[in-house]
N, C-alpha and C. Protein backbone atom coordinates (compact mmCIF):
# COMPACT_ATOMS: atom_id res chain seq x y z
N UNK A 1 2.60 15.07 -13.30
CA UNK A 1 3.82 15.59 -12.66
C UNK A 1 4.57 16.19 -13.67
N UNK A 2 5.74 17.18 -13.32
CA UNK A 2 6.36 17.79 -14.15
C UNK A 2 7.53 16.68 -14.97
N UNK A 3 7.68 17.14 -16.02
CA UNK A 3 8.75 16.32 -16.86
C UNK A 3 9.81 16.10 -16.09
N UNK A 4 10.53 14.98 -16.17
CA UNK A 4 11.97 14.67 -15.63
C UNK A 4 12.98 14.90 -16.75
N UNK A 5 13.58 16.21 -16.89
CA UNK A 5 14.37 16.41 -17.98
C UNK A 5 15.76 16.30 -17.49
N UNK A 6 16.82 15.63 -18.11
CA UNK A 6 18.07 15.60 -17.81
C UNK A 6 18.66 16.95 -17.94
N UNK A 7 19.60 17.43 -17.08
CA UNK A 7 20.43 18.61 -17.23
C UNK A 7 21.95 18.24 -16.85
N UNK A 8 22.85 19.32 -17.38
CA UNK A 8 24.15 18.86 -17.12
C UNK A 8 24.72 18.98 -15.62
N UNK A 9 24.05 19.64 -14.81
CA UNK A 9 24.49 19.81 -13.45
C UNK A 9 23.21 20.29 -12.72
N UNK A 10 23.30 20.32 -11.42
CA UNK A 10 22.27 20.82 -10.63
C UNK A 10 21.62 22.19 -10.98
N UNK A 11 20.49 22.25 -11.39
CA UNK A 11 20.08 23.71 -11.59
C UNK A 11 18.77 24.06 -10.84
N UNK A 12 18.69 25.39 -10.20
CA UNK A 12 17.80 25.81 -9.15
C UNK A 12 17.21 26.82 -9.92
N UNK A 13 15.98 26.77 -10.17
CA UNK A 13 15.26 27.71 -11.07
C UNK A 13 13.79 28.20 -9.68
N UNK A 14 14.21 29.24 -9.39
CA UNK A 14 13.02 30.13 -8.60
C UNK A 14 12.04 30.81 -9.42
N UNK A 15 10.79 30.50 -9.05
CA UNK A 15 9.86 31.16 -10.16
C UNK A 15 9.27 32.42 -9.35
N UNK A 16 9.53 32.62 -8.12
CA UNK A 16 8.96 33.71 -7.51
C UNK A 16 9.82 35.07 -7.84
N UNK A 17 9.61 35.52 -8.94
CA UNK A 17 10.56 36.65 -9.42
C UNK A 17 10.76 37.99 -8.57
N UNK A 18 9.60 38.26 -7.78
CA UNK A 18 9.57 39.61 -7.18
C UNK A 18 10.28 39.15 -5.60
N UNK A 19 10.71 37.87 -5.06
CA UNK A 19 11.03 37.80 -3.99
C UNK A 19 12.24 38.51 -3.64
N UNK A 20 12.89 38.55 -2.43
CA UNK A 20 14.15 39.18 -2.02
C UNK A 20 15.09 38.36 -2.68
N UNK A 21 16.22 38.77 -2.35
CA UNK A 21 17.51 37.97 -2.96
C UNK A 21 17.84 36.65 -2.30
N UNK A 22 17.71 36.64 -0.93
CA UNK A 22 17.93 35.72 0.07
C UNK A 22 17.09 34.46 -0.33
N UNK A 23 17.34 33.33 -0.73
CA UNK A 23 16.45 32.00 -0.77
C UNK A 23 15.68 31.80 0.49
N UNK A 24 16.38 31.90 1.65
CA UNK A 24 15.69 31.65 3.14
C UNK A 24 14.53 32.59 3.26
N UNK A 25 14.72 33.91 2.60
CA UNK A 25 13.92 34.83 2.92
C UNK A 25 12.61 34.74 2.15
N UNK A 26 12.85 34.42 0.95
CA UNK A 26 11.86 34.48 -0.09
C UNK A 26 10.72 33.27 0.02
N UNK A 27 11.19 32.28 0.73
CA UNK A 27 10.33 31.21 1.03
C UNK A 27 9.78 30.79 2.29
N UNK A 28 8.84 30.46 2.76
CA UNK A 28 8.49 29.97 4.09
C UNK A 28 9.53 28.96 4.56
N UNK A 29 9.74 27.90 3.83
CA UNK A 29 10.59 26.99 4.23
C UNK A 29 11.55 26.91 2.91
N UNK A 30 12.77 26.88 3.22
CA UNK A 30 13.75 26.74 2.07
C UNK A 30 13.40 25.56 1.23
N UNK A 31 13.21 25.68 0.00
CA UNK A 31 12.94 24.74 -1.05
C UNK A 31 13.69 23.16 -0.59
N UNK A 32 15.06 23.46 -0.58
CA UNK A 32 15.73 22.09 -0.47
C UNK A 32 15.40 21.34 0.80
N UNK A 33 14.88 21.89 1.90
CA UNK A 33 14.38 21.20 3.07
C UNK A 33 13.21 20.33 2.57
N UNK A 34 12.61 20.57 1.57
CA UNK A 34 11.11 20.01 1.43
C UNK A 34 11.11 18.83 0.41
N UNK A 35 12.28 18.47 -0.18
CA UNK A 35 12.53 17.50 -1.08
C UNK A 35 13.64 16.72 -0.89
N UNK A 36 13.43 15.37 -1.41
CA UNK A 36 14.52 14.42 -1.55
C UNK A 36 15.83 14.79 -1.98
N UNK A 37 16.96 14.42 -1.67
CA UNK A 37 17.89 14.40 -2.31
C UNK A 37 18.65 13.43 -3.50
N UNK A 38 19.44 13.60 -4.26
CA UNK A 38 20.04 12.72 -5.07
C UNK A 38 20.59 11.62 -4.47
N UNK A 39 21.33 11.61 -3.34
CA UNK A 39 21.96 10.52 -2.70
C UNK A 39 21.00 9.39 -2.32
N UNK A 40 19.69 9.95 -2.02
CA UNK A 40 18.65 8.90 -1.60
C UNK A 40 18.15 8.06 -2.66
N UNK A 41 18.65 8.19 -3.97
CA UNK A 41 18.40 7.21 -4.99
C UNK A 41 19.45 6.55 -5.57
N UNK A 42 20.31 5.72 -4.86
CA UNK A 42 21.73 5.24 -5.31
C UNK A 42 21.48 4.43 -6.54
N UNK A 43 20.27 3.77 -6.89
CA UNK A 43 20.04 2.93 -7.81
C UNK A 43 20.03 3.53 -9.21
N UNK A 44 19.77 4.85 -9.12
CA UNK A 44 19.86 5.73 -10.43
C UNK A 44 21.12 5.46 -11.30
N UNK A 45 22.17 5.70 -10.55
CA UNK A 45 23.41 5.62 -11.23
C UNK A 45 23.89 6.85 -11.71
N UNK A 46 24.71 7.59 -11.08
CA UNK A 46 25.18 9.01 -11.29
C UNK A 46 24.14 10.03 -11.80
N UNK A 47 23.11 10.14 -10.91
CA UNK A 47 21.96 11.12 -11.36
C UNK A 47 22.39 12.59 -11.17
N UNK A 48 21.59 13.27 -12.03
CA UNK A 48 21.55 14.86 -12.01
C UNK A 48 20.10 15.32 -11.72
N UNK A 49 20.00 16.41 -11.27
CA UNK A 49 18.84 17.00 -10.87
C UNK A 49 18.42 18.63 -11.20
N UNK A 50 17.29 18.69 -11.04
CA UNK A 50 16.71 20.09 -11.30
C UNK A 50 15.80 20.37 -10.38
N UNK A 51 16.03 21.58 -9.64
CA UNK A 51 15.11 21.95 -8.53
C UNK A 51 14.20 23.11 -8.80
N UNK A 52 13.07 23.11 -8.90
CA UNK A 52 12.11 24.34 -9.14
C UNK A 52 11.30 24.53 -7.89
N UNK A 53 10.95 25.84 -7.66
CA UNK A 53 10.16 26.35 -6.59
C UNK A 53 9.32 27.67 -6.72
N UNK A 54 8.36 27.75 -6.12
CA UNK A 54 7.55 29.18 -6.50
C UNK A 54 6.52 29.26 -5.48
N UNK A 55 6.24 30.57 -5.35
CA UNK A 55 5.35 31.08 -4.20
C UNK A 55 4.03 31.17 -4.77
N UNK A 56 3.82 31.03 -6.07
CA UNK A 56 2.65 31.30 -6.77
C UNK A 56 1.98 30.04 -7.23
N UNK A 57 0.47 30.17 -7.11
CA UNK A 57 -0.12 28.86 -7.63
C UNK A 57 -0.05 28.71 -8.79
N UNK A 58 -0.06 29.77 -9.47
CA UNK A 58 0.12 29.71 -11.32
C UNK A 58 1.44 29.32 -11.74
N UNK A 59 2.45 29.77 -10.79
CA UNK A 59 3.80 29.13 -11.15
C UNK A 59 3.93 27.88 -11.05
N UNK A 60 3.20 27.37 -9.98
CA UNK A 60 2.99 25.81 -9.72
C UNK A 60 2.41 25.04 -10.79
N UNK A 61 1.20 25.59 -11.23
CA UNK A 61 0.24 24.84 -12.20
C UNK A 61 0.92 24.78 -13.63
N UNK A 62 1.40 26.07 -13.96
CA UNK A 62 1.85 26.27 -15.52
C UNK A 62 3.21 26.14 -15.55
N UNK A 63 4.13 26.78 -14.63
CA UNK A 63 5.54 26.70 -14.57
C UNK A 63 6.14 25.40 -14.44
N UNK A 64 5.79 24.87 -13.44
CA UNK A 64 6.19 23.47 -12.90
C UNK A 64 5.44 22.35 -13.40
N UNK A 65 4.33 22.08 -13.13
CA UNK A 65 3.69 21.13 -13.67
C UNK A 65 3.38 21.17 -15.16
N UNK A 66 3.33 22.29 -15.60
CA UNK A 66 3.20 22.58 -17.19
C UNK A 66 1.84 21.88 -17.52
N UNK A 67 0.73 22.26 -16.61
CA UNK A 67 -0.58 21.87 -16.89
C UNK A 67 -1.07 22.43 -18.27
N UNK A 68 -2.15 21.91 -18.98
CA UNK A 68 -2.88 22.39 -19.97
C UNK A 68 -3.67 23.52 -19.25
N UNK A 69 -4.13 24.46 -20.01
CA UNK A 69 -4.97 25.57 -19.57
C UNK A 69 -6.06 25.29 -18.76
N UNK A 70 -6.83 24.46 -19.13
CA UNK A 70 -8.21 24.08 -18.38
C UNK A 70 -7.72 23.58 -17.03
N UNK A 71 -6.72 22.35 -17.08
CA UNK A 71 -6.35 21.81 -16.02
C UNK A 71 -5.81 22.62 -14.97
N UNK A 72 -4.77 23.49 -15.54
CA UNK A 72 -4.11 24.74 -14.69
C UNK A 72 -4.96 25.49 -13.99
N UNK A 73 -6.12 25.92 -14.69
CA UNK A 73 -7.07 26.95 -14.18
C UNK A 73 -7.81 26.25 -12.72
N UNK A 74 -8.09 25.04 -12.89
CA UNK A 74 -8.54 24.10 -11.71
C UNK A 74 -7.53 24.01 -10.86
N UNK A 75 -6.41 23.83 -11.12
CA UNK A 75 -5.37 23.53 -9.99
C UNK A 75 -5.16 24.77 -9.39
N UNK A 76 -5.18 25.91 -10.03
CA UNK A 76 -4.57 27.23 -9.47
C UNK A 76 -5.84 27.69 -8.40
N UNK A 77 -7.09 27.43 -8.83
CA UNK A 77 -8.45 27.64 -7.96
C UNK A 77 -8.15 26.98 -6.58
N UNK A 78 -7.94 25.58 -7.09
CA UNK A 78 -8.00 24.57 -5.79
C UNK A 78 -7.03 25.17 -4.72
N UNK A 79 -5.80 25.26 -5.23
CA UNK A 79 -4.67 25.80 -4.45
C UNK A 79 -4.85 27.09 -3.70
N UNK A 80 -5.49 28.14 -4.27
CA UNK A 80 -5.88 29.17 -3.62
C UNK A 80 -6.83 29.07 -2.50
N UNK A 81 -7.81 28.11 -2.76
CA UNK A 81 -8.57 27.68 -1.73
C UNK A 81 -8.01 27.27 -0.39
N UNK A 82 -7.06 26.37 -0.60
CA UNK A 82 -6.39 25.51 0.32
C UNK A 82 -5.23 26.42 0.95
N UNK A 83 -5.18 27.63 0.51
CA UNK A 83 -4.15 28.51 1.13
C UNK A 83 -2.67 28.32 0.91
N UNK A 84 -2.51 28.34 -0.67
CA UNK A 84 -1.17 27.94 -1.13
C UNK A 84 -0.08 28.83 -0.52
N UNK A 85 1.05 28.18 -0.19
CA UNK A 85 2.06 29.03 0.52
C UNK A 85 3.27 28.99 -0.59
N UNK A 86 3.88 27.73 -0.81
CA UNK A 86 4.85 27.59 -1.88
C UNK A 86 4.83 25.98 -2.25
N UNK A 87 5.49 25.84 -3.56
CA UNK A 87 5.59 24.48 -4.03
C UNK A 87 6.80 24.44 -4.64
N UNK A 88 7.42 23.03 -4.34
CA UNK A 88 8.74 22.71 -4.88
C UNK A 88 8.87 21.41 -5.44
N UNK A 89 9.29 21.15 -6.62
CA UNK A 89 9.66 20.04 -7.27
C UNK A 89 10.95 19.76 -7.71
N UNK A 90 11.60 18.40 -7.40
CA UNK A 90 12.86 18.14 -7.76
C UNK A 90 12.89 17.12 -8.85
N UNK A 91 13.37 17.12 -10.05
CA UNK A 91 13.36 16.09 -11.14
C UNK A 91 14.87 15.43 -10.99
N UNK A 92 14.95 14.22 -10.84
CA UNK A 92 16.10 13.36 -10.80
C UNK A 92 16.25 12.43 -11.95
N UNK A 93 17.33 12.36 -12.56
CA UNK A 93 17.54 11.49 -13.81
C UNK A 93 18.78 10.93 -13.94
N UNK A 94 18.89 9.71 -14.18
CA UNK A 94 20.20 8.90 -14.11
C UNK A 94 20.16 7.91 -15.16
N UNK A 95 21.34 7.08 -15.28
CA UNK A 95 21.42 6.29 -16.61
C UNK A 95 20.44 5.17 -16.34
N UNK A 96 20.00 4.71 -15.11
CA UNK A 96 19.32 3.58 -14.82
C UNK A 96 17.74 4.08 -14.54
N UNK A 97 17.45 5.18 -14.73
CA UNK A 97 15.93 5.61 -14.40
C UNK A 97 16.00 7.02 -14.01
N UNK A 98 14.67 7.32 -13.29
CA UNK A 98 14.50 8.69 -12.90
C UNK A 98 13.59 8.67 -11.57
N UNK A 99 13.79 9.83 -11.05
CA UNK A 99 12.81 10.12 -9.72
C UNK A 99 12.35 11.50 -9.56
N UNK A 100 11.12 11.70 -8.82
CA UNK A 100 10.80 12.92 -8.47
C UNK A 100 10.55 13.17 -7.03
N UNK A 101 10.47 14.31 -6.74
CA UNK A 101 10.21 14.59 -5.15
C UNK A 101 9.61 16.00 -5.46
N UNK A 102 8.13 16.02 -4.76
CA UNK A 102 7.52 17.21 -4.85
C UNK A 102 6.86 17.56 -3.41
N UNK A 103 6.64 18.92 -3.33
CA UNK A 103 6.08 19.38 -2.16
C UNK A 103 5.25 20.41 -2.29
N UNK A 104 4.10 20.63 -1.50
CA UNK A 104 3.10 21.72 -1.43
C UNK A 104 3.13 21.91 -0.18
N UNK A 105 3.28 23.39 0.24
CA UNK A 105 3.07 24.00 1.60
C UNK A 105 1.78 24.72 1.61
N UNK A 106 0.87 24.42 2.43
CA UNK A 106 -0.30 24.83 2.27
C UNK A 106 -0.83 25.49 3.91
N UNK A 107 -1.91 26.23 3.94
CA UNK A 107 -2.35 26.88 5.13
C UNK A 107 -2.57 26.15 6.33
N UNK A 108 -3.00 24.84 6.21
CA UNK A 108 -3.41 24.00 7.34
C UNK A 108 -3.00 22.43 7.10
N UNK A 109 -2.81 21.84 8.13
CA UNK A 109 -2.73 20.30 7.91
C UNK A 109 -3.93 19.72 7.33
N UNK A 110 -4.92 20.11 7.68
CA UNK A 110 -6.33 19.53 6.78
C UNK A 110 -6.32 19.92 5.68
N UNK A 111 -5.84 20.85 5.07
CA UNK A 111 -5.58 21.30 3.52
C UNK A 111 -4.65 20.36 3.10
N UNK A 112 -3.67 20.08 3.63
CA UNK A 112 -2.53 19.18 2.98
C UNK A 112 -2.86 17.73 3.16
N UNK A 113 -3.65 17.22 3.95
CA UNK A 113 -4.30 15.81 3.94
C UNK A 113 -5.06 15.68 2.69
N UNK A 114 -6.20 16.61 2.52
CA UNK A 114 -7.09 16.71 1.47
C UNK A 114 -6.12 16.59 0.06
N UNK A 115 -5.16 17.62 -0.23
CA UNK A 115 -4.31 17.78 -1.47
C UNK A 115 -3.46 16.39 -1.63
N UNK A 116 -3.07 15.85 -0.53
CA UNK A 116 -2.53 14.39 -0.68
C UNK A 116 -3.50 13.68 -1.38
N UNK A 117 -4.72 13.39 -0.93
CA UNK A 117 -5.58 12.46 -1.75
C UNK A 117 -5.81 12.81 -3.31
N UNK A 118 -6.10 14.16 -3.30
CA UNK A 118 -6.06 14.72 -4.76
C UNK A 118 -4.85 14.11 -5.71
N UNK A 119 -3.63 14.63 -5.10
CA UNK A 119 -2.43 14.29 -5.87
C UNK A 119 -2.29 12.64 -5.92
N UNK A 120 -2.60 11.91 -5.12
CA UNK A 120 -2.65 10.55 -5.18
C UNK A 120 -3.54 10.01 -6.39
N UNK A 121 -4.61 10.63 -6.43
CA UNK A 121 -5.54 10.24 -7.73
C UNK A 121 -4.96 10.87 -9.12
N UNK A 122 -4.28 11.95 -9.05
CA UNK A 122 -3.66 12.50 -10.30
C UNK A 122 -2.61 11.61 -10.64
N UNK A 123 -1.68 11.20 -9.65
CA UNK A 123 -0.68 10.27 -9.90
C UNK A 123 -1.07 9.09 -10.51
N UNK A 124 -2.05 8.43 -9.95
CA UNK A 124 -2.64 7.38 -10.26
C UNK A 124 -3.10 7.19 -11.69
N UNK A 125 -3.88 8.42 -12.17
CA UNK A 125 -4.34 8.43 -13.52
C UNK A 125 -2.88 8.55 -14.52
N UNK A 126 -1.97 9.13 -13.92
CA UNK A 126 -0.91 9.25 -15.03
C UNK A 126 -0.21 8.11 -15.21
N UNK A 127 -0.08 7.20 -14.30
CA UNK A 127 0.48 5.79 -14.33
C UNK A 127 -0.30 4.95 -15.29
N UNK A 128 -1.58 5.21 -15.20
CA UNK A 128 -2.18 4.30 -16.33
C UNK A 128 -2.95 3.14 -15.83
N UNK A 129 -3.60 2.42 -16.44
CA UNK A 129 -4.31 1.52 -16.07
C UNK A 129 -3.43 0.21 -15.42
N UNK A 130 -4.20 -0.31 -14.43
CA UNK A 130 -3.50 -1.57 -13.93
C UNK A 130 -2.61 -1.18 -12.67
N UNK A 131 -2.88 0.25 -12.19
CA UNK A 131 -2.14 0.60 -10.86
C UNK A 131 -2.57 -0.01 -9.62
N UNK A 132 -1.74 -0.32 -8.77
CA UNK A 132 -2.07 -0.89 -7.62
C UNK A 132 -1.87 0.00 -6.28
N UNK A 133 -2.67 0.23 -5.64
CA UNK A 133 -2.78 1.00 -4.50
C UNK A 133 -2.35 0.24 -3.18
N UNK A 134 -1.35 0.40 -2.53
CA UNK A 134 -0.90 -0.18 -1.31
C UNK A 134 -0.71 0.56 -0.01
N UNK A 135 -1.16 0.15 1.31
CA UNK A 135 -0.94 0.74 2.28
C UNK A 135 0.52 0.88 2.75
N UNK A 136 0.76 2.05 3.92
CA UNK A 136 2.11 2.17 4.29
C UNK A 136 2.11 2.19 5.61
N UNK A 137 2.66 0.99 6.16
CA UNK A 137 2.60 1.04 7.67
C UNK A 137 3.47 2.02 8.23
N UNK A 138 4.59 2.46 7.55
CA UNK A 138 5.51 3.34 8.26
C UNK A 138 5.22 4.82 8.05
N UNK A 139 4.22 4.90 7.10
CA UNK A 139 3.90 6.47 7.11
C UNK A 139 2.25 6.34 6.88
N UNK A 140 1.73 6.80 8.18
CA UNK A 140 0.20 6.75 8.49
C UNK A 140 -0.38 7.72 7.46
N UNK A 141 -1.36 7.28 7.07
CA UNK A 141 -2.23 8.23 5.83
C UNK A 141 -1.43 8.28 4.62
N UNK A 142 -0.54 7.58 4.45
CA UNK A 142 0.32 7.68 3.23
C UNK A 142 -0.38 6.79 2.09
N UNK A 143 -0.20 7.02 0.96
CA UNK A 143 -0.73 6.16 -0.23
C UNK A 143 0.32 5.85 -1.20
N UNK A 144 0.37 4.68 -1.31
CA UNK A 144 1.54 3.95 -2.28
C UNK A 144 0.88 3.60 -3.65
N UNK A 145 1.43 3.79 -4.80
CA UNK A 145 1.07 3.54 -5.88
C UNK A 145 2.14 2.74 -6.66
N UNK A 146 1.82 1.53 -7.30
CA UNK A 146 2.96 0.73 -7.91
C UNK A 146 2.32 0.38 -9.40
N UNK A 147 3.07 0.53 -10.35
CA UNK A 147 2.68 0.18 -11.91
C UNK A 147 3.47 -0.69 -12.29
N UNK A 148 3.03 -2.32 -12.20
CA UNK A 148 3.59 -3.44 -12.52
C UNK A 148 3.80 -3.71 -13.75
N UNK A 149 3.02 -2.94 -14.59
CA UNK A 149 2.86 -3.13 -16.01
C UNK A 149 3.64 -2.09 -16.66
N UNK A 150 3.49 -2.02 -17.94
CA UNK A 150 4.22 -0.88 -18.82
C UNK A 150 3.32 -0.21 -19.94
N UNK A 151 2.57 0.42 -19.48
CA UNK A 151 1.66 1.34 -20.34
C UNK A 151 2.29 2.47 -20.87
N UNK A 152 1.43 3.03 -21.80
CA UNK A 152 2.01 3.92 -22.94
C UNK A 152 2.92 5.16 -22.03
N UNK A 153 2.46 5.40 -21.00
CA UNK A 153 2.95 6.54 -20.01
C UNK A 153 4.15 6.26 -19.55
N UNK A 154 4.56 5.07 -19.43
CA UNK A 154 6.15 4.58 -19.05
C UNK A 154 6.86 4.09 -20.24
N UNK A 155 8.50 4.00 -20.07
CA UNK A 155 9.34 3.49 -20.91
C UNK A 155 8.88 1.99 -20.95
N UNK A 156 8.99 1.16 -22.11
CA UNK A 156 8.80 -0.19 -22.07
C UNK A 156 9.55 -0.91 -21.07
N UNK A 157 8.96 -1.86 -20.22
CA UNK A 157 9.70 -2.65 -19.25
C UNK A 157 10.15 -1.89 -17.95
N UNK A 158 9.76 -0.44 -17.94
CA UNK A 158 10.06 0.35 -16.80
C UNK A 158 9.07 -0.10 -15.50
N UNK A 159 9.59 -0.07 -14.39
CA UNK A 159 8.93 -0.31 -13.00
C UNK A 159 8.89 1.13 -12.13
N UNK A 160 7.56 1.34 -11.67
CA UNK A 160 7.68 2.64 -11.14
C UNK A 160 6.78 2.56 -9.94
N UNK A 161 7.21 3.44 -8.96
CA UNK A 161 6.35 3.37 -7.69
C UNK A 161 6.41 4.82 -7.05
N UNK A 162 5.15 5.17 -6.74
CA UNK A 162 5.02 6.64 -6.12
C UNK A 162 4.55 6.43 -4.85
N UNK A 163 4.94 7.40 -3.85
CA UNK A 163 4.31 7.50 -2.61
C UNK A 163 3.94 8.96 -2.36
N UNK A 164 2.67 9.09 -1.73
CA UNK A 164 2.00 10.63 -1.58
C UNK A 164 1.39 10.59 -0.06
N UNK A 165 1.84 11.76 0.52
CA UNK A 165 1.51 11.64 2.16
C UNK A 165 1.46 13.04 2.61
N UNK A 166 1.11 13.26 3.65
CA UNK A 166 0.99 14.61 4.14
C UNK A 166 1.70 14.81 5.64
N UNK A 167 2.35 15.72 5.69
CA UNK A 167 3.22 15.90 7.07
C UNK A 167 2.83 17.33 7.53
N UNK A 168 2.15 17.55 8.75
CA UNK A 168 1.63 18.69 8.93
C UNK A 168 0.94 19.61 8.07
N UNK A 169 1.32 20.63 7.61
CA UNK A 169 0.85 21.62 6.51
C UNK A 169 1.48 21.53 4.99
N UNK A 170 2.30 20.14 4.99
CA UNK A 170 2.86 20.12 3.58
C UNK A 170 2.19 18.73 3.04
N UNK A 171 2.03 18.77 1.74
CA UNK A 171 1.72 17.73 1.08
C UNK A 171 2.88 17.11 0.20
N UNK A 172 3.43 15.79 0.19
CA UNK A 172 4.60 15.52 -0.27
C UNK A 172 4.45 14.36 -1.16
N UNK A 173 5.43 14.16 -2.18
CA UNK A 173 5.30 13.19 -3.12
C UNK A 173 6.83 12.52 -3.54
N UNK A 174 6.99 11.20 -3.49
CA UNK A 174 8.00 10.88 -4.03
C UNK A 174 7.78 9.60 -5.02
N UNK A 175 8.59 9.64 -5.98
CA UNK A 175 8.49 8.58 -7.02
C UNK A 175 9.82 8.30 -7.63
N UNK A 176 9.82 6.83 -8.07
CA UNK A 176 10.95 6.27 -8.69
C UNK A 176 10.56 5.48 -9.63
N UNK A 177 11.22 5.55 -10.85
CA UNK A 177 11.06 4.42 -11.91
C UNK A 177 12.52 3.92 -12.29
N UNK A 178 12.44 2.88 -12.56
CA UNK A 178 13.90 2.12 -12.88
C UNK A 178 13.52 1.21 -14.34
N UNK A 179 14.56 1.48 -15.02
CA UNK A 179 14.59 0.84 -16.25
C UNK A 179 14.99 -0.66 -16.18
N UNK A 180 14.47 -1.61 -17.14
CA UNK A 180 14.94 -3.06 -17.05
C UNK A 180 16.40 -3.10 -17.05
N UNK A 181 17.22 -4.07 -16.43
CA UNK A 181 16.33 -5.35 -15.73
C UNK A 181 15.79 -5.22 -14.34
N UNK A 182 15.70 -3.87 -13.77
CA UNK A 182 15.30 -3.70 -12.47
C UNK A 182 14.13 -4.14 -12.22
N UNK A 183 13.53 -4.58 -11.23
CA UNK A 183 12.15 -5.34 -10.96
C UNK A 183 11.33 -4.44 -10.08
N UNK A 184 10.18 -4.63 -10.29
CA UNK A 184 9.35 -3.90 -9.32
C UNK A 184 9.60 -4.22 -7.79
N UNK A 185 10.16 -5.29 -7.58
CA UNK A 185 10.53 -5.64 -6.02
C UNK A 185 11.79 -4.79 -5.71
N UNK A 186 12.44 -4.08 -6.53
CA UNK A 186 13.38 -3.41 -6.28
C UNK A 186 12.91 -1.86 -5.98
N UNK A 187 12.17 -1.67 -7.03
CA UNK A 187 11.76 -0.26 -6.94
C UNK A 187 10.74 0.26 -5.64
N UNK A 188 9.96 -0.73 -5.39
CA UNK A 188 8.84 -0.18 -4.30
C UNK A 188 9.75 -0.04 -3.18
N UNK A 189 10.46 -0.85 -2.42
CA UNK A 189 11.28 -0.59 -1.50
C UNK A 189 12.05 0.63 -1.34
N UNK A 190 12.48 0.80 -2.50
CA UNK A 190 13.48 2.17 -2.60
C UNK A 190 12.72 3.22 -2.56
N UNK A 191 11.55 3.45 -3.11
CA UNK A 191 10.64 4.58 -3.13
C UNK A 191 10.19 4.71 -1.71
N UNK A 192 9.86 3.59 -1.12
CA UNK A 192 9.17 3.75 0.18
C UNK A 192 10.29 4.21 1.28
N UNK A 193 11.59 3.85 1.06
CA UNK A 193 12.65 4.32 1.90
C UNK A 193 12.80 5.70 1.98
N UNK A 194 12.85 6.32 0.61
CA UNK A 194 13.02 7.68 0.18
C UNK A 194 11.78 8.64 0.95
N UNK A 195 10.89 8.04 0.67
CA UNK A 195 9.48 8.65 1.60
C UNK A 195 9.67 8.73 2.91
N UNK A 196 9.98 7.71 3.50
CA UNK A 196 10.09 7.66 5.00
C UNK A 196 11.25 8.57 5.42
N UNK A 197 12.17 8.75 4.72
CA UNK A 197 13.36 9.42 5.00
C UNK A 197 12.93 11.08 4.90
N UNK A 198 12.35 11.30 3.74
CA UNK A 198 11.69 12.60 3.63
C UNK A 198 10.68 13.15 4.74
N UNK A 199 9.75 12.06 5.28
CA UNK A 199 8.97 12.34 6.21
C UNK A 199 9.66 12.83 7.61
N UNK A 200 10.58 12.11 7.90
CA UNK A 200 11.54 12.40 8.99
C UNK A 200 12.18 13.64 8.82
N UNK A 201 12.59 14.08 7.58
CA UNK A 201 13.39 15.23 7.33
C UNK A 201 12.65 16.52 7.49
N UNK A 202 11.22 16.52 7.28
CA UNK A 202 10.26 17.70 7.19
C UNK A 202 9.53 17.78 8.35
N UNK A 203 9.67 16.80 9.13
CA UNK A 203 8.40 16.90 10.55
C UNK A 203 8.63 18.12 11.09
N UNK A 204 9.78 18.91 11.39
CA UNK A 204 9.73 20.07 12.13
C UNK A 204 9.31 21.36 11.25
N UNK A 205 9.94 21.36 10.11
CA UNK A 205 9.79 22.36 9.20
C UNK A 205 8.26 22.66 8.66
N UNK A 206 7.41 21.36 8.38
CA UNK A 206 6.09 21.35 8.23
C UNK A 206 5.01 21.56 9.14
N UNK A 207 5.37 21.83 10.65
CA UNK A 207 4.44 21.85 11.62
C UNK A 207 3.69 23.10 11.46
């Protein structure tokens, strides 16, 4: 996933440089409609966010995810096959932790479902050994990932949960990590609640 860097205020970076001036016109779906908002993560404590969006598979792989060359080329090729339309990523940081919300809009619902499985596998790898997958009764087909340990990928003592799912032609992901003394029992319900809220918010836009 893209780095979760702190900013002084909300920053919107649109990577589709040749797009028209209107944000609504340049994207099939307005980027803000595809990701969670700061207010959905009250446990972070006075968070700030960075929103980035692109209509280019290369912009997604290299500009947003900041993939190394080999991984980035594979990502670009796969997304082109799946009919990439746009990608959005919001990184949220606060004094008590960090969160992310990401979305890919693809050509078909079938492509979005396939991509959700790929993204869940990528997220599981990033979270490190000991990740626990869990079912999500409130999000059919969704994949939950919890890291109850503290591998080198996380801050010592940090608890983190990610949820990846598809809605129509959109692949969506939400993740939350809280620093100690927050427990995994607090992180997991909060991440799931944000994912459920996002699923409801995009159901019409992603049809």
